[in-house]
């Protein structure tokens, strides 16, 4: 879960490096939710067809990320992790 990664990041001196591809994917969610500032290099396609992931750097936890850690944001990842309700059809 991305919030668990955020808690782990908060306990480390920053900047810190994330190596595992699964953790980098979680970091992308945290960055998209504006909870962290991070540099995530794009994955490279190897000649074998596999992806090569370079390590990502977490630079900072944003004020919004701090609020999420303190429990002030009830649903910090809500728009990114929850399905959106369907848009009702308009009738003219």
N, C-alpha and C. Protein backbone atom coordinates (compact mmCIF):
# COMPACT_ATOMS: atom_id res chain seq x y z
N UNK A 1 0.84 -1.18 0.00
CA UNK A 1 0.00 0.00 0.00
C UNK A 1 0.89 1.25 0.00
N UNK A 2 0.59 2.23 -0.81
CA UNK A 2 1.42 3.43 -0.89
C UNK A 2 1.59 4.17 0.45
N UNK A 3 0.54 4.20 1.28
CA UNK A 3 0.67 4.92 2.55
C UNK A 3 1.69 4.25 3.46
N UNK A 4 1.80 2.93 3.39
CA UNK A 4 2.81 2.24 4.19
C UNK A 4 4.20 2.65 3.73
N UNK A 5 4.39 2.78 2.43
CA UNK A 5 5.68 3.25 1.91
C UNK A 5 5.95 4.67 2.40
N UNK A 6 4.93 5.52 2.43
CA UNK A 6 5.11 6.88 2.92
C UNK A 6 5.57 6.86 4.37
N UNK A 7 4.99 5.98 5.18
CA UNK A 7 5.42 5.86 6.59
C UNK A 7 6.88 5.41 6.68
N UNK A 8 7.27 4.48 5.81
CA UNK A 8 8.66 4.01 5.80
C UNK A 8 9.61 5.13 5.40
N UNK A 9 9.21 5.90 4.40
CA UNK A 9 10.05 7.01 3.93
C UNK A 9 10.21 8.04 5.04
N UNK A 10 9.15 8.29 5.79
CA UNK A 10 9.19 9.30 6.85
C UNK A 10 10.18 8.93 7.95
N UNK A 11 10.54 7.68 8.06
CA UNK A 11 11.45 7.24 9.12
C UNK A 11 12.91 7.22 8.66
N UNK A 12 13.15 7.62 7.42
CA UNK A 12 14.51 7.61 6.87
C UNK A 12 15.00 9.02 6.65
N UNK A 13 16.31 9.21 6.71
CA UNK A 13 16.85 10.53 6.33
C UNK A 13 16.66 10.73 4.83
N UNK A 14 16.28 11.94 4.44
CA UNK A 14 16.06 12.25 3.03
C UNK A 14 17.20 13.10 2.51
N UNK A 15 17.55 12.97 1.25
CA UNK A 15 16.92 12.11 0.24
C UNK A 15 17.25 10.64 0.49
N UNK A 16 16.36 9.76 0.01
CA UNK A 16 16.60 8.33 0.10
C UNK A 16 16.33 7.71 -1.26
N UNK A 17 16.84 6.51 -1.44
CA UNK A 17 16.75 5.82 -2.72
C UNK A 17 15.82 4.62 -2.60
N UNK A 18 14.98 4.45 -3.62
CA UNK A 18 14.06 3.31 -3.70
C UNK A 18 14.50 2.47 -4.90
N UNK A 19 14.73 1.19 -4.65
CA UNK A 19 15.29 0.31 -5.69
C UNK A 19 14.27 -0.65 -6.30
N UNK A 20 13.40 -1.22 -5.49
CA UNK A 20 12.50 -2.29 -5.95
C UNK A 20 11.44 -1.73 -6.90
N UNK A 21 11.22 -2.38 -8.05
CA UNK A 21 10.22 -1.91 -9.00
C UNK A 21 8.82 -1.75 -8.38
N UNK A 22 8.42 -2.67 -7.51
CA UNK A 22 7.09 -2.56 -6.89
C UNK A 22 7.00 -1.33 -5.99
N UNK A 23 8.10 -1.02 -5.30
CA UNK A 23 8.12 0.16 -4.43
C UNK A 23 8.15 1.43 -5.28
N UNK A 24 8.82 1.38 -6.40
CA UNK A 24 8.86 2.54 -7.30
C UNK A 24 7.46 2.82 -7.84
N UNK A 25 6.69 1.78 -8.13
CA UNK A 25 5.31 1.97 -8.58
C UNK A 25 4.48 2.66 -7.49
N UNK A 26 4.67 2.25 -6.23
CA UNK A 26 3.97 2.91 -5.12
C UNK A 26 4.42 4.36 -4.99
N UNK A 27 5.71 4.59 -5.21
CA UNK A 27 6.23 5.95 -5.15
C UNK A 27 5.60 6.83 -6.22
N UNK A 28 5.32 6.27 -7.39
CA UNK A 28 4.64 7.03 -8.45
C UNK A 28 3.26 7.49 -7.98
N UNK A 29 2.56 6.61 -7.25
CA UNK A 29 1.23 6.97 -6.72
C UNK A 29 1.37 8.10 -5.70
N UNK A 30 2.34 7.99 -4.81
CA UNK A 30 2.56 9.04 -3.80
C UNK A 30 2.91 10.37 -4.45
N UNK A 31 3.74 10.31 -5.49
CA UNK A 31 4.12 11.55 -6.19
C UNK A 31 2.92 12.15 -6.91
N UNK A 32 2.11 11.31 -7.56
CA UNK A 32 0.92 11.80 -8.27
C UNK A 32 -0.08 12.44 -7.30
N UNK A 33 -0.12 11.92 -6.07
CA UNK A 33 -1.03 12.47 -5.05
C UNK A 33 -0.42 13.69 -4.36
N UNK A 34 0.78 14.09 -4.80
CA UNK A 34 1.50 15.24 -4.26
C UNK A 34 1.84 15.06 -2.78
N UNK A 35 2.14 13.81 -2.39
CA UNK A 35 2.53 13.54 -1.01
C UNK A 35 4.05 13.53 -0.84
N UNK A 36 4.76 13.33 -1.95
CA UNK A 36 6.22 13.36 -1.92
C UNK A 36 6.74 14.09 -3.15
N UNK A 37 7.95 14.56 -3.02
CA UNK A 37 8.69 15.08 -4.16
C UNK A 37 9.74 14.01 -4.47
N UNK A 38 9.73 13.50 -5.69
CA UNK A 38 10.62 12.40 -6.03
C UNK A 38 11.05 12.48 -7.49
N UNK A 39 12.25 11.98 -7.74
CA UNK A 39 12.75 11.83 -9.10
C UNK A 39 12.67 10.35 -9.45
N UNK A 40 11.86 10.03 -10.43
CA UNK A 40 11.67 8.63 -10.85
C UNK A 40 12.05 8.54 -12.33
N UNK A 41 13.22 7.95 -12.62
CA UNK A 41 13.60 7.81 -14.02
C UNK A 41 12.67 6.85 -14.75
N UNK A 42 12.45 7.06 -16.02
CA UNK A 42 11.59 6.13 -16.78
C UNK A 42 12.26 4.77 -16.90
N UNK A 43 11.46 3.73 -16.96
CA UNK A 43 11.98 2.38 -17.17
C UNK A 43 12.50 2.28 -18.60
N UNK A 44 13.55 1.49 -18.76
CA UNK A 44 14.13 1.28 -20.09
C UNK A 44 13.80 -0.11 -20.58
N UNK A 45 13.49 -0.23 -21.86
CA UNK A 45 13.22 -1.53 -22.46
C UNK A 45 14.53 -2.14 -22.94
N UNK A 46 14.86 -3.32 -22.41
CA UNK A 46 16.09 -4.01 -22.80
C UNK A 46 15.87 -4.78 -24.09
N UNK A 47 16.94 -5.12 -24.81
CA UNK A 47 16.80 -5.89 -26.05
C UNK A 47 16.05 -7.21 -25.84
N UNK A 48 16.11 -7.75 -24.64
CA UNK A 48 15.42 -9.02 -24.36
C UNK A 48 13.92 -8.83 -24.22
N UNK A 49 13.47 -7.57 -24.17
CA UNK A 49 12.05 -7.29 -24.01
C UNK A 49 11.66 -7.01 -22.58
N UNK A 50 12.57 -7.19 -21.64
CA UNK A 50 12.30 -6.91 -20.23
C UNK A 50 12.53 -5.43 -19.95
N UNK A 51 11.89 -4.95 -18.88
CA UNK A 51 12.11 -3.57 -18.46
C UNK A 51 13.21 -3.51 -17.42
N UNK A 52 14.03 -2.48 -17.49
CA UNK A 52 15.06 -2.22 -16.51
C UNK A 52 14.67 -0.95 -15.76
N UNK A 53 14.56 -1.06 -14.45
CA UNK A 53 14.17 0.09 -13.63
C UNK A 53 15.40 0.65 -12.94
N UNK A 54 15.64 1.94 -13.12
CA UNK A 54 16.71 2.61 -12.39
C UNK A 54 16.16 3.04 -11.04
N UNK A 55 17.01 3.17 -10.04
CA UNK A 55 16.53 3.59 -8.72
C UNK A 55 15.88 4.97 -8.76
N UNK A 56 14.92 5.17 -7.86
CA UNK A 56 14.23 6.45 -7.73
C UNK A 56 14.75 7.16 -6.49
N UNK A 57 14.70 8.47 -6.51
CA UNK A 57 15.14 9.28 -5.38
C UNK A 57 13.95 10.01 -4.77
N UNK A 58 13.73 9.81 -3.48
CA UNK A 58 12.72 10.58 -2.76
C UNK A 58 13.44 11.80 -2.20
N UNK A 59 13.00 12.98 -2.60
CA UNK A 59 13.67 14.21 -2.19
C UNK A 59 13.07 14.79 -0.92
N UNK A 60 11.75 14.71 -0.79
CA UNK A 60 11.07 15.31 0.37
C UNK A 60 9.66 14.78 0.49
N UNK A 61 9.15 14.87 1.70
CA UNK A 61 7.72 14.64 1.94
C UNK A 61 7.08 16.01 1.94
N UNK A 62 6.06 16.21 1.14
CA UNK A 62 5.42 17.51 1.01
C UNK A 62 4.57 17.82 2.25
N UNK A 63 4.14 19.08 2.40
CA UNK A 63 3.23 19.40 3.49
C UNK A 63 1.96 18.53 3.46
N UNK A 64 1.46 18.25 2.26
CA UNK A 64 0.29 17.38 2.14
C UNK A 64 0.62 15.97 2.62
N UNK A 65 1.83 15.51 2.34
CA UNK A 65 2.28 14.20 2.81
C UNK A 65 2.40 14.17 4.32
N UNK A 66 2.89 15.27 4.90
CA UNK A 66 2.98 15.36 6.36
C UNK A 66 1.60 15.31 6.98
N UNK A 67 0.65 16.00 6.37
CA UNK A 67 -0.73 15.97 6.88
C UNK A 67 -1.29 14.56 6.81
N UNK A 68 -1.00 13.85 5.72
CA UNK A 68 -1.49 12.48 5.58
C UNK A 68 -0.89 11.59 6.68
N UNK A 69 0.38 11.80 6.98
CA UNK A 69 1.03 11.02 8.03
C UNK A 69 0.43 11.33 9.40
N UNK A 70 0.02 12.56 9.59
CA UNK A 70 -0.55 12.97 10.87
C UNK A 70 -2.04 12.62 10.96
N UNK A 71 -2.59 12.06 9.90
CA UNK A 71 -3.99 11.66 9.92
C UNK A 71 -4.95 12.79 9.65
N UNK A 72 -4.44 13.94 9.19
CA UNK A 72 -5.32 15.08 8.93
C UNK A 72 -6.01 14.96 7.58
N UNK A 73 -5.46 14.17 6.69
CA UNK A 73 -6.11 13.94 5.39
C UNK A 73 -6.75 12.57 5.45
N UNK A 74 -8.04 12.53 5.53
CA UNK A 74 -8.75 11.27 5.66
C UNK A 74 -8.51 10.35 4.47
N UNK A 75 -8.45 10.93 3.28
CA UNK A 75 -8.36 10.11 2.08
C UNK A 75 -7.34 10.72 1.12
N UNK A 76 -6.09 10.77 1.57
CA UNK A 76 -5.05 11.44 0.79
C UNK A 76 -4.90 10.81 -0.60
N UNK A 77 -5.11 9.51 -0.70
CA UNK A 77 -4.94 8.83 -1.98
C UNK A 77 -6.27 8.51 -2.64
N UNK A 78 -7.36 8.96 -2.07
CA UNK A 78 -8.69 8.61 -2.56
C UNK A 78 -8.88 8.75 -4.05
N UNK A 79 -8.62 9.91 -4.63
CA UNK A 79 -8.87 10.06 -6.07
C UNK A 79 -8.01 9.14 -6.93
N UNK A 80 -6.86 8.70 -6.41
CA UNK A 80 -5.99 7.86 -7.21
C UNK A 80 -6.23 6.37 -7.00
N UNK A 81 -6.74 6.01 -5.83
CA UNK A 81 -6.86 4.59 -5.54
C UNK A 81 -8.30 4.08 -5.59
N UNK A 82 -9.26 4.95 -5.48
CA UNK A 82 -10.65 4.51 -5.49
C UNK A 82 -11.25 4.69 -6.90
N UNK A 83 -12.10 3.76 -7.32
CA UNK A 83 -12.73 3.95 -8.62
C UNK A 83 -13.66 5.15 -8.60
N UNK A 84 -13.70 5.83 -9.70
CA UNK A 84 -14.57 7.01 -9.80
C UNK A 84 -15.99 6.59 -10.14
N UNK A 85 -16.98 7.28 -9.56
CA UNK A 85 -18.35 6.95 -9.90
C UNK A 85 -18.64 7.30 -11.36
N UNK A 86 -19.56 6.58 -12.00
CA UNK A 86 -19.86 6.91 -13.40
C UNK A 86 -20.52 8.28 -13.51
N UNK A 87 -20.25 8.93 -14.61
CA UNK A 87 -20.86 10.24 -14.87
C UNK A 87 -22.24 10.01 -15.44
N UNK A 88 -23.27 10.62 -14.82
CA UNK A 88 -24.62 10.42 -15.34
C UNK A 88 -24.76 10.98 -16.75
N UNK A 89 -25.55 10.30 -17.54
CA UNK A 89 -25.79 10.74 -18.92
C UNK A 89 -26.66 11.98 -18.91
N UNK A 90 -26.36 12.89 -19.79
CA UNK A 90 -27.16 14.12 -19.91
C UNK A 90 -28.29 13.89 -20.93
N UNK A 91 -29.43 14.44 -20.63
CA UNK A 91 -30.54 14.37 -21.59
C UNK A 91 -30.86 15.78 -22.05
N UNK A 92 -30.99 15.97 -23.32
CA UNK A 92 -31.27 17.31 -23.88
C UNK A 92 -32.68 17.39 -24.39
